[in-house]
């Protein structure tokens, strides 16, 4: 009887251990990518005993949670530390250790296979320029702040990208604000432009001899309250990338009800996705009530995006422009020799992920989108670039937004420090995205920015 009791107790312990491990494995699958760097990998591979390998990963994960946010990850820390204490006191069966180690290796294998790094990012598909058909800089409007030729040169030679899409606006998305920017001396040409401006950008692209990368002629077209586009250009064979966007300030009266109603907004998004010319549905939820985006019918949106071969945009404009360019690259806030910006960036990405990582930063939306990635849902991670402190040249110095950095050159030490800091920021952001990709099962096949130019062209053509 005593022996039977001991065996029953051991069986109960083993069952409890398995149950506890399955709970911990959820955290491993969700967050291991955040800590799986070269050192952790090297240390893991140097360990020969399976149980010690498991303990090594648990320690790294617990340490990651504690250094990120003790309060937010209190439950994860408690459960992981409890499992480690248990494994130190109780001798787990060889069967459990072997099974736990295999499940751990499967997660690691997935991370290694699907790890997406900066080098795999082939190009940005949402970029704006400041050229105009009248030769007038478009300061004050929602157009960009740099000449087409400088944007293309920088993307190809400095960033090493394989392609970009120049996607200037079909019409200004907020004419009233653009005109108010100029005050009494308002210049209608900077806001009340039409298709001619986009066509003039295409002419500038054609004039560039031997560009260092593939340039897709694109357009960011406004989706009107009735579901129609505000331009006929998307149907032109010259246009290769059509970004469809909803800008509520374009028609304040027409969008007044839509931007507050999740059902009406969902229906409008679906009309945009179902338009045969749409390639990317951009910044869903822009300019709407904060709570609206979580209440959209993401199941229908994702299903229609798959059926119509449309990518959903992950817009990181706030991350790149507001957080990195405007704050972290500001030596007034973070001195040139400071590294404090690294923890600041990590904290912002953790605390305000929905602001800086777009749709994927919202855990609720991420959960609703997850089932659709294995079925072919594609995303486009775009900067929505309107300006950059690193793109210059003599032609650019006369443009408004560039004046702030016009004293910098590639030979200036401040400029070099800013570039280095920028790439450190990209690596931090990369790790954040890797954790999300691992959690929801996103691979490079789901991210059209990672496609080679020919494969991307095929996708944009909606060819099978």
Protein backbone atom coordinates (compact mmCIF):
# COMPACT_ATOMS: atom_id res chain seq x y z
CA UNK A 1 0.00 0.00 0.00
CA UNK A 2 2.82 2.39 0.88
CA UNK A 3 4.48 1.72 -2.48
CA UNK A 4 1.17 2.32 -4.25
CA UNK A 5 0.75 5.62 -2.42
CA UNK A 6 4.24 6.75 -3.46
CA UNK A 7 3.55 5.81 -7.09
CA UNK A 8 0.25 7.72 -7.01
CA UNK A 9 1.99 10.77 -5.56
CA UNK A 10 4.68 10.59 -8.24
CA UNK A 11 2.01 10.29 -10.91
CA UNK A 12 0.21 13.33 -9.50
CA UNK A 13 3.48 15.28 -9.46
CA UNK A 14 4.20 14.31 -13.06
CA UNK A 15 0.70 15.34 -14.15
CA UNK A 16 1.01 18.64 -12.31
CA UNK A 17 4.42 19.22 -13.86
CA UNK A 18 3.09 18.58 -17.38
CA UNK A 19 0.17 20.94 -16.81
CA UNK A 20 2.46 23.64 -15.45
CA UNK A 21 4.87 23.22 -18.37
CA UNK A 22 2.06 23.66 -20.91
CA UNK A 23 1.23 26.98 -19.25
CA UNK A 24 4.87 28.07 -19.34
CA UNK A 25 5.20 26.95 -22.95
CA UNK A 26 2.64 29.60 -23.90
CA UNK A 27 5.03 32.25 -22.59
CA UNK A 28 7.96 30.60 -24.38
CA UNK A 29 6.12 30.60 -27.71
CA UNK A 30 5.02 34.21 -27.24
CA UNK A 31 8.20 35.81 -25.95
CA UNK A 32 11.28 33.64 -26.51
CA UNK A 33 12.08 35.50 -29.72
CA UNK A 34 12.63 38.65 -27.63
CA UNK A 35 15.57 37.04 -25.78
CA UNK A 36 16.86 34.61 -28.41
CA UNK A 37 19.99 36.51 -29.44
CA UNK A 38 23.44 35.21 -30.41
CA UNK A 39 24.68 34.95 -26.81
CA UNK A 40 21.61 33.10 -25.51
CA UNK A 41 21.80 30.78 -28.50
CA UNK A 42 25.52 30.15 -28.02
CA UNK A 43 25.10 29.42 -24.30
CA UNK A 44 22.17 27.12 -25.00
CA UNK A 45 24.08 25.11 -27.58
CA UNK A 46 27.07 24.78 -25.23
CA UNK A 47 24.91 23.09 -22.59
CA UNK A 48 24.76 19.31 -23.07
CA UNK A 49 22.22 18.32 -20.38
CA UNK A 50 18.60 18.76 -21.48
CA UNK A 51 17.26 19.82 -18.07
CA UNK A 52 19.95 22.49 -17.75
CA UNK A 53 19.02 23.75 -21.22
CA UNK A 54 15.40 24.11 -20.09
CA UNK A 55 16.51 25.95 -16.94
CA UNK A 56 18.72 28.24 -19.03
CA UNK A 57 15.78 29.34 -21.19
CA UNK A 58 13.52 29.81 -18.17
CA UNK A 59 16.13 32.02 -16.47
CA UNK A 60 16.56 34.15 -19.57
CA UNK A 61 12.81 34.56 -20.00
CA UNK A 62 12.27 35.43 -16.33
CA UNK A 63 15.13 37.94 -16.49
CA UNK A 64 13.60 39.50 -19.62
CA UNK A 65 10.23 39.97 -17.92
CA UNK A 66 11.82 41.45 -14.78
CA UNK A 67 13.93 43.92 -16.74
CA UNK A 68 10.99 44.94 -18.95
CA UNK A 69 8.18 45.47 -16.45
CA UNK A 70 7.92 43.67 -13.11
CA UNK A 71 4.27 44.60 -12.62
CA UNK A 72 2.99 43.90 -16.11
CA UNK A 73 4.63 40.47 -16.17
CA UNK A 74 4.05 39.58 -12.52
CA UNK A 75 2.08 36.42 -13.38
CA UNK A 76 4.66 35.18 -15.90
CA UNK A 77 7.54 35.82 -13.48
CA UNK A 78 5.74 34.06 -10.64
CA UNK A 79 4.93 30.94 -12.67
CA UNK A 80 8.36 30.63 -14.29
CA UNK A 81 10.20 31.12 -11.02
CA UNK A 82 7.91 28.60 -9.35
CA UNK A 83 8.69 26.02 -12.02
CA UNK A 84 12.43 26.61 -11.68
CA UNK A 85 12.23 26.19 -7.90
CA UNK A 86 10.26 22.97 -8.35
CA UNK A 87 12.77 21.56 -10.86
CA UNK A 88 15.60 22.29 -8.42
CA UNK A 89 13.89 20.35 -5.62
CA UNK A 90 12.19 17.50 -7.47
CA UNK A 91 13.82 15.11 -9.89
CA UNK A 92 11.66 15.21 -12.99
CA UNK A 93 11.30 12.00 -14.98
CA UNK A 94 13.47 11.48 -18.04
CA UNK A 95 10.29 11.25 -20.09
CA UNK A 96 9.11 14.70 -18.99
CA UNK A 97 12.52 16.27 -19.53
CA UNK A 98 12.79 14.74 -22.99
CA UNK A 99 9.30 15.91 -23.96
CA UNK A 100 9.78 19.43 -22.58
CA UNK A 101 13.14 19.73 -24.34
CA UNK A 102 11.62 18.63 -27.66
CA UNK A 103 8.82 21.17 -27.39
CA UNK A 104 11.41 23.83 -26.56
CA UNK A 105 13.49 22.86 -29.58
CA UNK A 106 10.43 23.12 -31.81
CA UNK A 107 9.89 26.71 -30.69
CA UNK A 108 13.57 27.53 -31.22
CA UNK A 109 13.48 25.88 -34.64
CA UNK A 110 10.52 28.00 -35.62
CA UNK A 111 12.26 31.17 -34.45
CA UNK A 112 15.44 30.29 -36.35
CA UNK A 113 13.56 29.39 -39.53
CA UNK A 114 11.24 32.38 -39.53
CA UNK A 115 13.45 34.97 -37.91
CA UNK A 116 12.97 38.11 -39.94
CA UNK A 117 15.75 40.66 -39.75
CA UNK A 118 16.43 44.07 -41.20
CA UNK A 119 18.34 42.61 -44.15
CA UNK A 120 15.15 40.85 -45.30
CA UNK A 121 13.27 44.15 -45.51
CA UNK A 122 13.53 44.81 -49.24
CA UNK A 123 11.73 48.12 -49.46
CA UNK A 124 9.10 50.62 -48.30
CA UNK A 125 5.76 50.73 -50.13
CA UNK A 126 4.37 53.97 -48.71
CA UNK A 127 6.50 57.07 -49.41
CA UNK A 128 5.64 60.68 -50.17
CA UNK A 129 7.64 63.34 -52.01
CA UNK A 130 7.54 67.14 -52.10
CA UNK A 131 7.71 67.67 -55.85
CA UNK A 132 4.74 69.32 -57.53
CA UNK A 133 3.58 69.87 -61.09
CA UNK A 134 3.95 73.61 -60.60
CA UNK A 135 7.43 73.33 -59.10
CA UNK A 136 6.11 74.63 -55.79
CA UNK A 137 7.22 72.91 -52.56
CA UNK A 138 4.11 71.47 -50.87
CA UNK A 139 4.84 72.70 -47.33
CA UNK A 140 1.74 72.70 -45.18
CA UNK A 141 -0.04 69.92 -47.01
CA UNK A 142 0.10 66.19 -46.26
CA UNK A 143 2.67 65.65 -48.99
CA UNK A 144 6.25 64.77 -48.24
CA UNK A 145 9.25 66.97 -47.59
CA UNK A 146 11.93 65.69 -49.98
CA UNK A 147 12.57 65.44 -53.72
CA UNK A 148 11.94 62.15 -55.52
CA UNK A 149 15.50 61.82 -56.77
CA UNK A 150 16.94 62.13 -53.24
CA UNK A 151 14.50 59.59 -51.81
CA UNK A 152 15.39 57.03 -54.46
CA UNK A 153 19.11 57.65 -54.11
CA UNK A 154 19.06 57.21 -50.34
CA UNK A 155 16.87 54.10 -50.35
CA UNK A 156 19.08 52.37 -52.89
CA UNK A 157 22.59 53.42 -51.94
CA UNK A 158 22.36 54.06 -48.19
CA UNK A 159 19.65 51.67 -47.05
CA UNK A 160 20.44 48.95 -49.56
CA UNK A 161 16.78 48.44 -50.43
CA UNK A 162 15.78 46.54 -53.58
CA UNK A 163 12.63 48.54 -54.31
CA UNK A 164 10.39 51.37 -53.15
CA UNK A 165 6.94 52.57 -54.14
CA UNK A 166 6.47 56.30 -54.60
CA UNK A 167 2.88 56.73 -53.42
CA UNK A 168 2.00 60.39 -53.35
CA UNK A 169 -1.53 61.44 -52.41
CA UNK A 170 -4.22 61.59 -55.09
CA UNK A 171 -5.67 64.66 -53.34
CA UNK A 172 -4.74 66.46 -50.14
CA UNK A 173 -6.42 64.67 -47.25
CA UNK A 174 -7.13 67.86 -45.31
CA UNK A 175 -7.37 70.86 -47.65
CA UNK A 176 -8.74 73.14 -44.92
CA UNK A 177 -5.74 72.58 -42.63
CA UNK A 178 -3.29 72.88 -45.50
CA UNK A 179 -4.65 76.27 -46.50
CA UNK A 180 -4.79 77.46 -42.88
CA UNK A 181 -1.07 76.62 -42.61
CA UNK A 182 -0.36 79.46 -45.02
CA UNK A 183 -2.69 81.97 -43.32
CA UNK A 184 -3.88 85.02 -45.28
CA UNK A 185 -1.34 84.29 -48.02
CA UNK A 186 -2.84 80.86 -48.63
CA UNK A 187 -1.61 79.12 -51.74
CA UNK A 188 -4.35 76.86 -53.12
CA UNK A 189 -1.87 75.06 -55.37
CA UNK A 190 -0.30 73.37 -52.35
CA UNK A 191 -3.57 71.78 -51.27
CA UNK A 192 -6.03 71.79 -54.14
CA UNK A 193 -3.92 69.66 -56.46
CA UNK A 194 -5.14 66.81 -58.66
CA UNK A 195 -3.82 63.88 -60.68
CA UNK A 196 -1.39 66.17 -62.45
CA UNK A 197 0.83 66.30 -59.39
CA UNK A 198 1.15 62.50 -59.21
CA UNK A 199 1.85 62.32 -62.95
CA UNK A 200 4.62 64.90 -62.53
CA UNK A 201 6.22 62.62 -59.93
CA UNK A 202 6.13 59.78 -62.45
CA UNK A 203 7.94 62.04 -64.95
CA UNK A 204 10.67 62.65 -62.40
CA UNK A 205 11.00 58.91 -61.84
CA UNK A 206 11.33 58.32 -65.59
CA UNK A 207 14.02 61.01 -65.79
CA UNK A 208 16.29 59.15 -63.36
CA UNK A 209 18.90 57.20 -65.29
CA UNK A 210 19.90 53.79 -63.95
CA UNK A 211 18.23 54.01 -60.53
CA UNK A 212 19.90 51.84 -57.90
CA UNK A 213 16.67 50.00 -57.12
CA UNK A 214 13.30 49.12 -58.60
CA UNK A 215 10.84 52.02 -58.33
CA UNK A 216 7.13 51.21 -58.44
CA UNK A 217 4.98 54.11 -59.55
CA UNK A 218 2.25 54.27 -56.96
CA UNK A 219 -0.48 56.40 -55.47
CA UNK A 220 -2.20 56.78 -52.13
CA UNK A 221 -5.80 57.15 -53.20
CA UNK A 222 -8.54 58.44 -50.90
CA UNK A 223 -11.52 56.19 -50.26
CA UNK A 224 -14.59 58.42 -50.22
CA UNK A 225 -17.60 57.92 -47.90
CA UNK A 226 -19.52 56.20 -50.71
CA UNK A 227 -16.72 53.67 -51.25
CA UNK A 228 -15.42 55.21 -54.48
CA UNK A 229 -11.87 56.42 -55.18
CA UNK A 230 -11.20 60.14 -55.63
CA UNK A 231 -8.97 59.54 -58.65
CA UNK A 232 -9.06 57.62 -61.93
CA UNK A 233 -5.31 56.99 -61.90
CA UNK A 234 -5.50 53.59 -60.12
CA UNK A 235 -6.99 52.11 -63.29
CA UNK A 236 -4.03 53.33 -65.38
CA UNK A 237 -1.53 50.70 -66.48
CA UNK A 238 1.25 53.10 -65.45
CA UNK A 239 0.29 52.78 -61.77
CA UNK A 240 1.83 49.67 -60.21
CA UNK A 241 1.03 50.09 -56.49
CA UNK A 242 -2.30 51.41 -55.21
CA UNK A 243 -2.50 52.27 -51.52
CA UNK A 244 -6.11 52.79 -50.42
CA UNK A 245 -6.64 55.04 -47.38
CA UNK A 246 -9.48 56.58 -45.41
CA UNK A 247 -8.82 60.20 -44.38
CA UNK A 248 -11.86 61.44 -42.42
CA UNK A 249 -10.81 65.11 -42.66
CA UNK A 250 -11.12 64.92 -46.44
CA UNK A 251 -14.90 65.18 -46.03
CA UNK A 252 -15.75 65.98 -42.42
CA UNK A 253 -19.49 65.88 -43.02
CA UNK A 254 -19.43 62.71 -45.11
CA UNK A 255 -17.31 60.79 -42.60
CA UNK A 256 -19.00 62.23 -39.47
CA UNK A 257 -21.05 59.10 -38.76
CA UNK A 258 -18.69 56.54 -40.31
CA UNK A 259 -15.71 57.36 -38.12
CA UNK A 260 -17.75 56.68 -34.96
CA UNK A 261 -19.55 53.52 -36.13
CA UNK A 262 -17.54 50.25 -36.32
CA UNK A 263 -20.09 48.60 -38.66
CA UNK A 264 -20.14 51.47 -41.14
CA UNK A 265 -16.37 51.78 -41.01
CA UNK A 266 -15.92 48.03 -41.54
CA UNK A 267 -18.18 48.15 -44.60
CA UNK A 268 -16.18 51.04 -46.04
CA UNK A 269 -12.87 49.22 -45.47
CA UNK A 270 -14.32 46.17 -47.25
CA UNK A 271 -15.29 48.32 -50.24
CA UNK A 272 -11.71 49.56 -50.40
CA UNK A 273 -10.30 46.03 -50.24
CA UNK A 274 -12.78 44.76 -52.85
CA UNK A 275 -11.83 47.44 -55.36
CA UNK A 276 -9.90 45.47 -58.02
CA UNK A 277 -7.13 48.07 -58.12
CA UNK A 278 -6.29 48.14 -54.39
CA UNK A 279 -2.96 46.56 -53.42
CA UNK A 280 -2.56 47.75 -49.82
CA UNK A 281 -5.25 48.86 -47.36
CA UNK A 282 -3.46 51.55 -45.39
CA UNK A 283 -3.56 52.81 -41.78
CA UNK A 284 -6.99 51.39 -40.91
CA UNK A 285 -8.55 53.47 -38.14
CA UNK A 286 -6.63 56.67 -38.86
CA UNK A 287 -8.45 59.76 -37.61
CA UNK A 288 -11.22 57.80 -35.90
CA UNK A 289 -12.37 57.23 -32.32
CA UNK A 290 -9.67 55.38 -30.33
CA UNK A 291 -12.04 52.54 -29.44
CA UNK A 292 -13.39 52.05 -32.96
CA UNK A 293 -10.50 50.02 -34.36
CA UNK A 294 -10.84 47.18 -31.81
CA UNK A 295 -14.55 46.88 -32.62
CA UNK A 296 -14.11 46.39 -36.37
CA UNK A 297 -15.00 43.04 -37.93
CA UNK A 298 -11.44 41.83 -38.38
CA UNK A 299 -12.56 38.39 -39.47
CA UNK A 300 -14.30 39.80 -42.54
CA UNK A 301 -11.51 42.29 -43.21
CA UNK A 302 -8.83 39.57 -43.15
CA UNK A 303 -10.90 37.13 -45.21
CA UNK A 304 -11.59 39.71 -47.90
CA UNK A 305 -7.94 40.78 -47.94
CA UNK A 306 -6.91 37.18 -48.63
CA UNK A 307 -9.57 36.68 -51.32
CA UNK A 308 -8.72 39.95 -53.09
CA UNK A 309 -4.91 39.65 -52.75
CA UNK A 310 -4.67 42.85 -50.71
CA UNK A 311 -2.09 43.45 -47.99
CA UNK A 312 -3.08 45.08 -44.70
CA UNK A 313 -0.69 47.88 -43.78
CA UNK A 314 1.20 47.99 -40.50
CA UNK A 315 1.87 51.71 -40.45
CA UNK A 316 4.89 52.69 -38.33
CA UNK A 317 4.96 56.43 -39.09
CA UNK A 318 4.57 57.36 -35.37
CA UNK A 319 7.46 55.04 -34.50
CA UNK A 320 9.90 56.31 -37.11
CA UNK A 321 8.92 59.97 -37.35
CA UNK A 322 7.70 60.93 -33.88
CA UNK A 323 9.61 58.56 -31.61
CA UNK A 324 12.92 57.98 -33.39
CA UNK A 325 13.45 61.02 -35.62
CA UNK A 326 11.86 63.70 -33.44
CA UNK A 327 12.82 62.38 -29.98
CA UNK A 328 15.64 59.85 -29.95
CA UNK A 329 17.75 61.60 -32.60
CA UNK A 330 17.38 64.89 -30.74
CA UNK A 331 20.70 65.52 -28.96
CA UNK A 332 18.88 68.02 -26.75
CA UNK A 333 16.96 65.13 -25.24
CA UNK A 334 19.55 62.35 -25.54
CA UNK A 335 23.14 63.60 -25.71
CA UNK A 336 25.43 62.33 -28.44
CA UNK A 337 27.38 60.08 -26.05
CA UNK A 338 24.30 58.79 -24.22
CA UNK A 339 22.85 55.29 -24.51
CA UNK A 340 19.78 56.05 -22.38
CA UNK A 341 17.69 56.22 -25.53
CA UNK A 342 17.83 52.40 -25.79
CA UNK A 343 15.87 51.76 -22.60
CA UNK A 344 13.59 54.68 -23.47
CA UNK A 345 12.76 53.08 -26.82
CA UNK A 346 12.22 49.64 -25.29
CA UNK A 347 9.91 51.16 -22.68
CA UNK A 348 7.85 53.02 -25.27
CA UNK A 349 7.51 49.91 -27.44
CA UNK A 350 6.34 47.93 -24.40
CA UNK A 351 4.02 50.52 -22.87
CA UNK A 352 2.57 52.07 -26.04
CA UNK A 353 2.87 49.26 -28.57
CA UNK A 354 -0.47 50.00 -30.24
CA UNK A 355 0.75 53.54 -30.95
CA UNK A 356 4.15 52.64 -32.33
CA UNK A 357 3.73 49.17 -33.87
CA UNK A 358 0.40 49.80 -35.53
CA UNK A 359 -2.19 47.04 -35.74
CA UNK A 360 0.24 44.36 -34.56
CA UNK A 361 0.88 46.35 -31.40
CA UNK A 362 -2.74 45.97 -30.32
CA UNK A 363 -3.01 42.58 -28.60
CA UNK A 364 -6.75 42.31 -29.26
CA UNK A 365 -6.45 42.98 -32.98
CA UNK A 366 -3.37 40.77 -33.18
CA UNK A 367 -5.35 37.90 -31.68
CA UNK A 368 -8.20 38.40 -34.16
CA UNK A 369 -5.79 38.44 -37.12
CA UNK A 370 -3.73 35.42 -36.01
CA UNK A 371 -5.90 32.64 -37.56
CA UNK A 372 -5.61 34.24 -41.00
CA UNK A 373 -1.81 34.33 -41.38
CA UNK A 374 -1.47 30.57 -42.10
CA UNK A 375 -4.20 31.00 -44.74
CA UNK A 376 -2.32 33.65 -46.70
CA UNK A 377 -3.02 36.98 -45.03
CA UNK A 378 -0.34 39.43 -46.08
CA UNK A 379 0.85 42.61 -44.43
CA UNK A 380 2.96 45.56 -45.57
CA UNK A 381 5.14 47.20 -42.93
CA UNK A 382 5.50 50.78 -44.14
CA UNK A 383 6.96 53.98 -42.74
CA UNK A 384 4.52 56.28 -44.56
CA UNK A 385 7.60 58.46 -44.98
CA UNK A 386 7.05 62.18 -45.45
CA UNK A 387 10.46 63.31 -44.28
CA UNK A 388 13.85 62.01 -43.11
CA UNK A 389 16.85 63.72 -41.51
CA UNK A 390 19.16 61.48 -43.55
CA UNK A 391 17.96 62.44 -47.02
CA UNK A 392 19.49 65.64 -48.27
CA UNK A 393 21.67 66.95 -51.03
CA UNK A 394 21.80 70.48 -52.40
CA UNK A 395 18.35 70.20 -53.97
CA UNK A 396 16.77 69.25 -50.66
CA UNK A 397 18.15 72.10 -48.58
CA UNK A 398 15.64 74.57 -49.96
CA UNK A 399 12.74 72.48 -48.67
CA UNK A 400 11.09 73.45 -45.39
CA UNK A 401 11.40 70.37 -43.19
CA UNK A 402 15.00 69.73 -44.20
CA UNK A 403 16.23 73.08 -42.86
CA UNK A 404 16.17 71.71 -39.32
CA UNK A 405 18.97 69.32 -40.30
CA UNK A 406 20.46 71.22 -43.24
CA UNK A 407 23.73 71.87 -41.36
CA UNK A 408 24.38 68.14 -41.33
CA UNK A 409 26.27 66.25 -43.99
CA UNK A 410 27.47 62.67 -44.32
CA UNK A 411 30.92 63.89 -43.22
CA UNK A 412 29.61 65.62 -40.12
CA UNK A 413 30.25 63.69 -36.86
CA UNK A 414 26.75 64.48 -35.53
CA UNK A 415 25.27 63.07 -38.72
CA UNK A 416 27.28 59.85 -38.36
CA UNK A 417 26.26 59.49 -34.71
CA UNK A 418 22.62 59.95 -35.64
CA UNK A 419 22.92 57.28 -38.34
CA UNK A 420 24.50 54.82 -35.90
CA UNK A 421 21.83 55.58 -33.30
CA UNK A 422 19.14 55.11 -35.94
CA UNK A 423 20.39 51.63 -36.84
CA UNK A 424 20.66 50.65 -33.15
CA UNK A 425 17.01 51.68 -32.85
CA UNK A 426 16.14 49.52 -35.85
CA UNK A 427 17.72 46.48 -34.18
CA UNK A 428 15.69 47.10 -31.02
CA UNK A 429 12.53 47.43 -33.11
CA UNK A 430 13.50 44.30 -35.03
CA UNK A 431 13.58 42.25 -31.82
CA UNK A 432 10.17 43.60 -30.82
CA UNK A 433 8.70 42.57 -34.17
CA UNK A 434 10.38 39.16 -34.00
CA UNK A 435 8.57 38.45 -30.75
CA UNK A 436 5.23 39.39 -32.30
CA UNK A 437 5.92 37.38 -35.46
CA UNK A 438 6.75 34.33 -33.36
CA UNK A 439 3.61 34.73 -31.27
CA UNK A 440 1.16 34.96 -34.17
CA UNK A 441 2.99 32.78 -36.71
CA UNK A 442 4.01 35.46 -39.21
CA UNK A 443 6.71 34.39 -41.69
CA UNK A 444 8.46 36.29 -44.48
CA UNK A 445 5.80 34.92 -46.85
CA UNK A 446 3.21 37.05 -45.02
CA UNK A 447 5.26 40.26 -45.35
CA UNK A 448 5.30 41.64 -48.88
CA UNK A 449 8.16 44.04 -48.05
CA UNK A 450 10.39 40.94 -47.86
CA UNK A 451 9.57 39.76 -51.39
CA UNK A 452 12.15 40.01 -54.18
CA UNK A 453 11.15 42.70 -56.72
CA UNK A 454 9.79 40.23 -59.30
CA UNK A 455 7.68 38.37 -56.74
CA UNK A 456 6.35 41.67 -55.39
CA UNK A 457 5.47 42.82 -58.91
CA UNK A 458 3.50 39.61 -59.39
CA UNK A 459 1.62 40.20 -56.16
CA UNK A 460 0.86 43.81 -57.07
CA UNK A 461 -0.44 42.64 -60.45
CA UNK A 462 -2.72 40.24 -58.52
CA UNK A 463 -1.43 37.40 -60.66
CA UNK A 464 -1.86 33.90 -59.30
